[in-house]
Amino acid sequence: MQNGPVNGAGHAAPQSVQLNPMQAAAFALQFLPRAPHTQGEREAFDVALMFLQAILTGQILVTPAPPQVQAVPAEPAPPPAQ
């Protein structure tokens, strides 16, 4: 697996990837319990674990985000007459 451009490839537009959320959650759950965390991080760790388990069991359905609408910049106002 490569991190970053490969073979002289420039920064291309992000590619769309199909992902099964249940498989992704199952994969993350393999490693999450081994991730080092402090006592202060334990609450956030427990919440992340809860969400991943809910995705894995189908209690949370992950849907694609709606497409973001790019605002068209307004034409600049003409300078005031002198």
PDB file of N, CA and C in Angstrom:
ATOM      1  N   MET A   1       0.844  -1.167   0.000  1.00  0.00           N
ATOM      2  CA  MET A   1       0.000   0.000   0.000  1.00  0.00           C
ATOM      3  C   MET A   1       0.892   1.234   0.000  1.00  0.00           C
ATOM      4  N   GLN A   2       0.557   2.173  -0.826  1.00  0.00           N
ATOM      5  CA  GLN A   2       1.326   3.403  -0.936  1.00  0.00           C
ATOM      6  C   GLN A   2       0.573   4.538  -0.265  1.00  0.00           C
ATOM      7  N   ASN A   3       1.310   5.450   0.292  1.00  0.00           N
ATOM      8  CA  ASN A   3       0.718   6.635   0.882  1.00  0.00           C
ATOM      9  C   ASN A   3       1.232   7.830   0.105  1.00  0.00           C
ATOM     10  N   GLY A   4       0.358   8.487  -0.635  1.00  0.00           N
ATOM     11  CA  GLY A   4       0.773   9.637  -1.425  1.00  0.00           C
ATOM     12  C   GLY A   4       0.843   9.298  -2.898  1.00  0.00           C
ATOM     13  N   PRO A   5       1.311  10.244  -3.717  1.00  0.00           N
ATOM     14  CA  PRO A   5       1.376  10.008  -5.162  1.00  0.00           C
ATOM     15  C   PRO A   5       2.340   8.873  -5.505  1.00  0.00           C
ATOM     16  N   VAL A   6       1.998   8.128  -6.518  1.00  0.00           N
ATOM     17  CA  VAL A   6       2.808   6.995  -6.948  1.00  0.00           C
ATOM     18  C   VAL A   6       3.174   7.174  -8.416  1.00  0.00           C
ATOM     19  N   ASN A   7       4.383   6.815  -8.765  1.00  0.00           N
ATOM     20  CA  ASN A   7       4.844   6.858 -10.159  1.00  0.00           C
ATOM     21  C   ASN A   7       4.654   8.222 -10.804  1.00  0.00           C
ATOM     22  N   GLY A   8       4.939   9.262 -10.079  1.00  0.00           N
ATOM     23  CA  GLY A   8       4.865  10.605 -10.652  1.00  0.00           C
ATOM     24  C   GLY A   8       3.461  11.142 -10.794  1.00  0.00           C
ATOM     25  N   ALA A   9       2.476  10.439 -10.273  1.00  0.00           N
ATOM     26  CA  ALA A   9       1.101  10.917 -10.396  1.00  0.00           C
ATOM     27  C   ALA A   9       0.929  12.165  -9.546  1.00  0.00           C
ATOM     28  N   GLY A  10       0.256  13.135 -10.096  1.00  0.00           N
ATOM     29  CA  GLY A  10       0.001  14.364  -9.353  1.00  0.00           C
ATOM     30  C   GLY A  10      -1.180  14.182  -8.426  1.00  0.00           C
ATOM     31  N   HIS A  11      -1.615  15.256  -7.858  1.00  0.00           N
ATOM     32  CA  HIS A  11      -2.773  15.207  -6.981  1.00  0.00           C
ATOM     33  C   HIS A  11      -4.018  15.167  -7.840  1.00  0.00           C
ATOM     34  N   ALA A  12      -4.631  14.020  -7.937  1.00  0.00           N
ATOM     35  CA  ALA A  12      -5.839  13.853  -8.738  1.00  0.00           C
ATOM     36  C   ALA A  12      -7.055  14.145  -7.870  1.00  0.00           C
ATOM     37  N   ALA A  13      -8.183  14.289  -8.520  1.00  0.00           N
ATOM     38  CA  ALA A  13      -9.429  14.502  -7.797  1.00  0.00           C
ATOM     39  C   ALA A  13      -9.723  13.260  -6.957  1.00  0.00           C
ATOM     40  N   PRO A  14     -10.352  13.431  -5.802  1.00  0.00           N
ATOM     41  CA  PRO A  14     -10.671  12.275  -4.968  1.00  0.00           C
ATOM     42  C   PRO A  14     -11.552  11.296  -5.736  1.00  0.00           C
ATOM     43  N   GLN A  15     -11.271  10.021  -5.551  1.00  0.00           N
ATOM     44  CA  GLN A  15     -12.044   9.004  -6.233  1.00  0.00           C
ATOM     45  C   GLN A  15     -13.182   8.543  -5.335  1.00  0.00           C
ATOM     46  N   SER A  16     -14.289   8.166  -5.962  1.00  0.00           N
ATOM     47  CA  SER A  16     -15.420   7.635  -5.226  1.00  0.00           C
ATOM     48  C   SER A  16     -15.175   6.148  -4.994  1.00  0.00           C
ATOM     49  N   VAL A  17     -15.368   5.711  -3.769  1.00  0.00           N
ATOM     50  CA  VAL A  17     -15.128   4.321  -3.412  1.00  0.00           C
ATOM     51  C   VAL A  17     -16.380   3.761  -2.760  1.00  0.00           C
ATOM     52  N   GLN A  18     -16.807   2.584  -3.208  1.00  0.00           N
ATOM     53  CA  GLN A  18     -17.936   1.911  -2.571  1.00  0.00           C
ATOM     54  C   GLN A  18     -17.415   1.206  -1.327  1.00  0.00           C
ATOM     55  N   LEU A  19     -18.078   1.395  -0.204  1.00  0.00           N
ATOM     56  CA  LEU A  19     -17.618   0.834   1.051  1.00  0.00           C
ATOM     57  C   LEU A  19     -18.805   0.249   1.796  1.00  0.00           C
ATOM     58  N   ASN A  20     -18.651  -0.973   2.260  1.00  0.00           N
ATOM     59  CA  ASN A  20     -19.681  -1.581   3.083  1.00  0.00           C
ATOM     60  C   ASN A  20     -19.406  -1.157   4.520  1.00  0.00           C
ATOM     61  N   PRO A  21     -20.286  -0.342   5.118  1.00  0.00           N
ATOM     62  CA  PRO A  21     -20.028   0.166   6.464  1.00  0.00           C
ATOM     63  C   PRO A  21     -19.882  -0.949   7.498  1.00  0.00           C
ATOM     64  N   MET A  22     -20.613  -2.037   7.326  1.00  0.00           N
ATOM     65  CA  MET A  22     -20.518  -3.141   8.285  1.00  0.00           C
ATOM     66  C   MET A  22     -19.142  -3.797   8.228  1.00  0.00           C
ATOM     67  N   GLN A  23     -18.606  -3.951   7.025  1.00  0.00           N
ATOM     68  CA  GLN A  23     -17.272  -4.529   6.897  1.00  0.00           C
ATOM     69  C   GLN A  23     -16.224  -3.573   7.464  1.00  0.00           C
ATOM     70  N   ALA A  24     -16.393  -2.279   7.220  1.00  0.00           N
ATOM     71  CA  ALA A  24     -15.445  -1.296   7.737  1.00  0.00           C
ATOM     72  C   ALA A  24     -15.478  -1.281   9.267  1.00  0.00           C
ATOM     73  N   ALA A  25     -16.668  -1.359   9.846  1.00  0.00           N
ATOM     74  CA  ALA A  25     -16.786  -1.374  11.301  1.00  0.00           C
ATOM     75  C   ALA A  25     -16.140  -2.634  11.881  1.00  0.00           C
ATOM     76  N   ALA A  26     -16.389  -3.775  11.243  1.00  0.00           N
ATOM     77  CA  ALA A  26     -15.797  -5.026  11.721  1.00  0.00           C
ATOM     78  C   ALA A  26     -14.272  -4.947  11.663  1.00  0.00           C
ATOM     79  N   PHE A  27     -13.747  -4.357  10.607  1.00  0.00           N
ATOM     80  CA  PHE A  27     -12.299  -4.218  10.465  1.00  0.00           C
ATOM     81  C   PHE A  27     -11.732  -3.325  11.570  1.00  0.00           C
ATOM     82  N   ALA A  28     -12.384  -2.176  11.807  1.00  0.00           N
ATOM     83  CA  ALA A  28     -11.906  -1.250  12.835  1.00  0.00           C
ATOM     84  C   ALA A  28     -11.974  -1.871  14.223  1.00  0.00           C
ATOM     85  N   LEU A  29     -13.014  -2.665  14.472  1.00  0.00           N
ATOM     86  CA  LEU A  29     -13.166  -3.275  15.786  1.00  0.00           C
ATOM     87  C   LEU A  29     -12.053  -4.271  16.100  1.00  0.00           C
ATOM     88  N   GLN A  30     -11.391  -4.800  15.073  1.00  0.00           N
ATOM     89  CA  GLN A  30     -10.272  -5.715  15.312  1.00  0.00           C
ATOM     90  C   GLN A  30      -9.127  -5.009  16.032  1.00  0.00           C
ATOM     91  N   PHE A  31      -8.922  -3.740  15.709  1.00  0.00           N
ATOM     92  CA  PHE A  31      -7.750  -3.015  16.183  1.00  0.00           C
ATOM     93  C   PHE A  31      -8.046  -2.035  17.311  1.00  0.00           C
ATOM     94  N   LEU A  32      -9.270  -1.573  17.396  1.00  0.00           N
ATOM     95  CA  LEU A  32      -9.603  -0.537  18.363  1.00  0.00           C
ATOM     96  C   LEU A  32      -9.297  -0.932  19.809  1.00  0.00           C
ATOM     97  N   PRO A  33      -9.620  -2.136  20.252  1.00  0.00           N
ATOM     98  CA  PRO A  33      -9.304  -2.473  21.653  1.00  0.00           C
ATOM     99  C   PRO A  33      -7.810  -2.451  21.962  1.00  0.00           C
ATOM    100  N   ARG A  34      -6.963  -2.594  20.946  1.00  0.00           N
ATOM    101  CA  ARG A  34      -5.518  -2.577  21.178  1.00  0.00           C
ATOM    102  C   ARG A  34      -4.937  -1.179  21.106  1.00  0.00           C
ATOM    103  N   ALA A  35      -5.757  -0.194  20.712  1.00  0.00           N
ATOM    104  CA  ALA A  35      -5.259   1.175  20.595  1.00  0.00           C
ATOM    105  C   ALA A  35      -4.993   1.733  21.984  1.00  0.00           C
ATOM    106  N   PRO A  36      -3.798   2.295  22.210  1.00  0.00           N
ATOM    107  CA  PRO A  36      -3.506   2.853  23.531  1.00  0.00           C
ATOM    108  C   PRO A  36      -4.372   4.083  23.791  1.00  0.00           C
ATOM    109  N   HIS A  37      -4.867   4.200  24.981  1.00  0.00           N
ATOM    110  CA  HIS A  37      -5.655   5.372  25.348  1.00  0.00           C
ATOM    111  C   HIS A  37      -5.482   5.636  26.834  1.00  0.00           C
ATOM    112  N   THR A  38      -5.677   6.885  27.171  1.00  0.00           N
ATOM    113  CA  THR A  38      -5.538   7.290  28.574  1.00  0.00           C
ATOM    114  C   THR A  38      -6.898   7.185  29.255  1.00  0.00           C
ATOM    115  N   GLN A  39      -6.902   7.330  30.538  1.00  0.00           N
ATOM    116  CA  GLN A  39      -8.165   7.283  31.283  1.00  0.00           C
ATOM    117  C   GLN A  39      -9.111   8.388  30.792  1.00  0.00           C
ATOM    118  N   GLY A  40      -8.545   9.551  30.478  1.00  0.00           N
ATOM    119  CA  GLY A  40      -9.361  10.658  29.985  1.00  0.00           C
ATOM    120  C   GLY A  40      -9.974  10.388  28.627  1.00  0.00           C
ATOM    121  N   GLU A  41      -9.351   9.550  27.840  1.00  0.00           N
ATOM    122  CA  GLU A  41      -9.872   9.212  26.515  1.00  0.00           C
ATOM    123  C   GLU A  41     -10.858   8.045  26.561  1.00  0.00           C
ATOM    124  N   ARG A  42     -11.021   7.441  27.718  1.00  0.00           N
ATOM    125  CA  ARG A  42     -11.839   6.230  27.823  1.00  0.00           C
ATOM    126  C   ARG A  42     -13.286   6.469  27.410  1.00  0.00           C
ATOM    127  N   GLU A  43     -13.866   7.618  27.763  1.00  0.00           N
ATOM    128  CA  GLU A  43     -15.252   7.897  27.400  1.00  0.00           C
ATOM    129  C   GLU A  43     -15.404   7.989  25.876  1.00  0.00           C
ATOM    130  N   ALA A  44     -14.502   8.699  25.218  1.00  0.00           N
ATOM    131  CA  ALA A  44     -14.553   8.804  23.760  1.00  0.00           C
ATOM    132  C   ALA A  44     -14.313   7.437  23.118  1.00  0.00           C
ATOM    133  N   PHE A  45     -13.422   6.651  23.692  1.00  0.00           N
ATOM    134  CA  PHE A  45     -13.147   5.302  23.209  1.00  0.00           C
ATOM    135  C   PHE A  45     -14.418   4.462  23.283  1.00  0.00           C
ATOM    136  N   ASP A  46     -15.130   4.536  24.407  1.00  0.00           N
ATOM    137  CA  ASP A  46     -16.361   3.765  24.583  1.00  0.00           C
ATOM    138  C   ASP A  46     -17.438   4.185  23.591  1.00  0.00           C
ATOM    139  N   VAL A  47     -17.539   5.481  23.310  1.00  0.00           N
ATOM    140  CA  VAL A  47     -18.525   5.969  22.338  1.00  0.00           C
ATOM    141  C   VAL A  47     -18.175   5.469  20.944  1.00  0.00           C
ATOM    142  N   ALA A  48     -16.900   5.533  20.565  1.00  0.00           N
ATOM    143  CA  ALA A  48     -16.482   5.030  19.251  1.00  0.00           C
ATOM    144  C   ALA A  48     -16.777   3.547  19.137  1.00  0.00           C
ATOM    145  N   LEU A  49     -16.510   2.804  20.170  1.00  0.00           N
ATOM    146  CA  LEU A  49     -16.780   1.374  20.180  1.00  0.00           C
ATOM    147  C   LEU A  49     -18.278   1.112  20.025  1.00  0.00           C
ATOM    148  N   MET A  50     -19.103   1.880  20.722  1.00  0.00           N
ATOM    149  CA  MET A  50     -20.552   1.727  20.633  1.00  0.00           C
ATOM    150  C   MET A  50     -21.052   1.978  19.206  1.00  0.00           C
ATOM    151  N   PHE A  51     -20.554   3.063  18.582  1.00  0.00           N
ATOM    152  CA  PHE A  51     -20.991   3.373  17.224  1.00  0.00           C
ATOM    153  C   PHE A  51     -20.559   2.292  16.234  1.00  0.00           C
ATOM    154  N   LEU A  52     -19.328   1.831  16.346  1.00  0.00           N
ATOM    155  CA  LEU A  52     -18.865   0.783  15.434  1.00  0.00           C
ATOM    156  C   LEU A  52     -19.657  -0.504  15.604  1.00  0.00           C
ATOM    157  N   GLN A  53     -19.967  -0.875  16.836  1.00  0.00           N
ATOM    158  CA  GLN A  53     -20.756  -2.078  17.067  1.00  0.00           C
ATOM    159  C   GLN A  53     -22.178  -1.919  16.538  1.00  0.00           C
ATOM    160  N   ALA A  54     -22.753  -0.721  16.669  1.00  0.00           N
ATOM    161  CA  ALA A  54     -24.092  -0.475  16.143  1.00  0.00           C
ATOM    162  C   ALA A  54     -24.115  -0.532  14.621  1.00  0.00           C
ATOM    163  N   ILE A  55     -23.074  -0.027  13.984  1.00  0.00           N
ATOM    164  CA  ILE A  55     -22.983  -0.120  12.515  1.00  0.00           C
ATOM    165  C   ILE A  55     -22.854  -1.575  12.111  1.00  0.00           C
ATOM    166  N   LEU A  56     -22.015  -2.316  12.814  1.00  0.00           N
ATOM    167  CA  LEU A  56     -21.777  -3.719  12.487  1.00  0.00           C
ATOM    168  C   LEU A  56     -23.057  -4.537  12.590  1.00  0.00           C
ATOM    169  N   THR A  57     -23.872  -4.270  13.597  1.00  0.00           N
ATOM    170  CA  THR A  57     -25.094  -5.053  13.793  1.00  0.00           C
ATOM    171  C   THR A  57     -26.288  -4.507  13.012  1.00  0.00           C
ATOM    172  N   GLY A  58     -26.097  -3.417  12.274  1.00  0.00           N
ATOM    173  CA  GLY A  58     -27.183  -2.872  11.458  1.00  0.00           C
ATOM    174  C   GLY A  58     -28.126  -1.955  12.211  1.00  0.00           C
ATOM    175  N   GLN A  59     -27.792  -1.592  13.439  1.00  0.00           N
ATOM    176  CA  GLN A  59     -28.637  -0.674  14.202  1.00  0.00           C
ATOM    177  C   GLN A  59     -28.506   0.752  13.696  1.00  0.00           C
ATOM    178  N   ILE A  60     -27.374   1.071  13.082  1.00  0.00           N
ATOM    179  CA  ILE A  60     -27.153   2.378  12.464  1.00  0.00           C
ATOM    180  C   ILE A  60     -26.898   2.134  10.987  1.00  0.00           C
ATOM    181  N   LEU A  61     -27.661   2.790  10.146  1.00  0.00           N
ATOM    182  CA  LEU A  61     -27.461   2.677   8.711  1.00  0.00           C
ATOM    183  C   LEU A  61     -26.698   3.900   8.231  1.00  0.00           C
ATOM    184  N   VAL A  62     -25.614   3.656   7.530  1.00  0.00           N
ATOM    185  CA  VAL A  62     -24.791   4.741   7.013  1.00  0.00           C
ATOM    186  C   VAL A  62     -25.238   5.010   5.590  1.00  0.00           C
ATOM    187  N   THR A  63     -25.655   6.234   5.324  1.00  0.00           N
ATOM    188  CA  THR A  63     -26.106   6.603   3.987  1.00  0.00           C
ATOM    189  C   THR A  63     -25.167   7.657   3.416  1.00  0.00           C
ATOM    190  N   PRO A  64     -25.101   7.726   2.099  1.00  0.00           N
ATOM    191  CA  PRO A  64     -24.223   8.744   1.511  1.00  0.00           C
ATOM    192  C   PRO A  64     -24.728  10.146   1.837  1.00  0.00           C
ATOM    193  N   ALA A  65     -23.797  11.042   1.991  1.00  0.00           N
ATOM    194  CA  ALA A  65     -24.141  12.439   2.240  1.00  0.00           C
ATOM    195  C   ALA A  65     -24.720  13.037   0.965  1.00  0.00           C
ATOM    196  N   PRO A  66     -25.692  13.928   1.091  1.00  0.00           N
ATOM    197  CA  PRO A  66     -26.219  14.576  -0.114  1.00  0.00           C
ATOM    198  C   PRO A  66     -25.119  15.397  -0.778  1.00  0.00           C
ATOM    199  N   PRO A  67     -25.195  15.518  -2.099  1.00  0.00           N
ATOM    200  CA  PRO A  67     -24.156  16.307  -2.776  1.00  0.00           C
ATOM    201  C   PRO A  67     -24.156  17.738  -2.270  1.00  0.00           C
ATOM    202  N   GLN A  68     -22.963  18.271  -2.115  1.00  0.00           N
ATOM    203  CA  GLN A  68     -22.849  19.643  -1.637  1.00  0.00           C
ATOM    204  C   GLN A  68     -22.987  20.595  -2.809  1.00  0.00           C
ATOM    205  N   VAL A  69     -23.783  21.624  -2.608  1.00  0.00           N
ATOM    206  CA  VAL A  69     -24.019  22.619  -3.650  1.00  0.00           C
ATOM    207  C   VAL A  69     -22.969  23.714  -3.497  1.00  0.00           C
ATOM    208  N   GLN A  70     -22.267  23.969  -4.571  1.00  0.00           N
ATOM    209  CA  GLN A  70     -21.279  25.040  -4.569  1.00  0.00           C
ATOM    210  C   GLN A  70     -21.996  26.362  -4.842  1.00  0.00           C
ATOM    211  N   ALA A  71     -21.803  27.315  -3.959  1.00  0.00           N
ATOM    212  CA  ALA A  71     -22.411  28.633  -4.167  1.00  0.00           C
ATOM    213  C   ALA A  71     -21.681  29.340  -5.303  1.00  0.00           C
ATOM    214  N   VAL A  72     -22.456  29.911  -6.205  1.00  0.00           N
ATOM    215  CA  VAL A  72     -21.881  30.660  -7.318  1.00  0.00           C
ATOM    216  C   VAL A  72     -21.624  32.079  -6.833  1.00  0.00           C
ATOM    217  N   PRO A  73     -20.373  32.529  -6.926  1.00  0.00           N
ATOM    218  CA  PRO A  73     -20.096  33.890  -6.443  1.00  0.00           C
ATOM    219  C   PRO A  73     -20.868  34.924  -7.261  1.00  0.00           C
ATOM    220  N   ALA A  74     -21.403  35.904  -6.567  1.00  0.00           N
ATOM    221  CA  ALA A  74     -22.145  36.973  -7.238  1.00  0.00           C
ATOM    222  C   ALA A  74     -21.177  37.859  -8.007  1.00  0.00           C
ATOM    223  N   GLU A  75     -21.697  38.478  -9.037  1.00  0.00           N
ATOM    224  CA  GLU A  75     -20.883  39.419  -9.821  1.00  0.00           C
ATOM    225  C   GLU A  75     -20.546  40.604  -8.920  1.00  0.00           C
ATOM    226  N   PRO A  76     -19.328  41.082  -8.963  1.00  0.00           N
ATOM    227  CA  PRO A  76     -18.990  42.248  -8.130  1.00  0.00           C
ATOM    228  C   PRO A  76     -19.816  43.468  -8.577  1.00  0.00           C
ATOM    229  N   ALA A  77     -20.191  44.268  -7.604  1.00  0.00           N
ATOM    230  CA  ALA A  77     -20.976  45.466  -7.908  1.00  0.00           C
ATOM    231  C   ALA A  77     -20.086  46.457  -8.651  1.00  0.00           C
ATOM    232  N   PRO A  78     -20.668  47.169  -9.603  1.00  0.00           N
ATOM    233  CA  PRO A  78     -19.861  48.165 -10.332  1.00  0.00           C
ATOM    234  C   PRO A  78     -19.429  49.277  -9.382  1.00  0.00           C
ATOM    235  N   PRO A  79     -18.302  49.890  -9.641  1.00  0.00           N
ATOM    236  CA  PRO A  79     -17.842  50.972  -8.760  1.00  0.00           C
ATOM    237  C   PRO A  79     -18.825  52.130  -8.792  1.00  0.00           C
ATOM    238  N   PRO A  80     -18.978  52.851  -7.688  1.00  0.00           N
ATOM    239  CA  PRO A  80     -19.934  53.967  -7.659  1.00  0.00           C
ATOM    240  C   PRO A  80     -19.513  55.069  -8.632  1.00  0.00           C
ATOM    241  N   ALA A  81     -20.541  55.698  -9.220  1.00  0.00           N
ATOM    242  CA  ALA A  81     -20.274  56.794 -10.168  1.00  0.00           C
ATOM    243  C   ALA A  81     -19.714  57.994  -9.400  1.00  0.00           C
ATOM    244  N   GLN A  82     -18.798  58.701 -10.035  1.00  0.00           N
ATOM    245  CA  GLN A  82     -18.196  59.857  -9.360  1.00  0.00           C
ATOM    246  C   GLN A  82     -18.710  61.130  -9.882  1.00  0.00           C
TER     247      GLN A  82
END
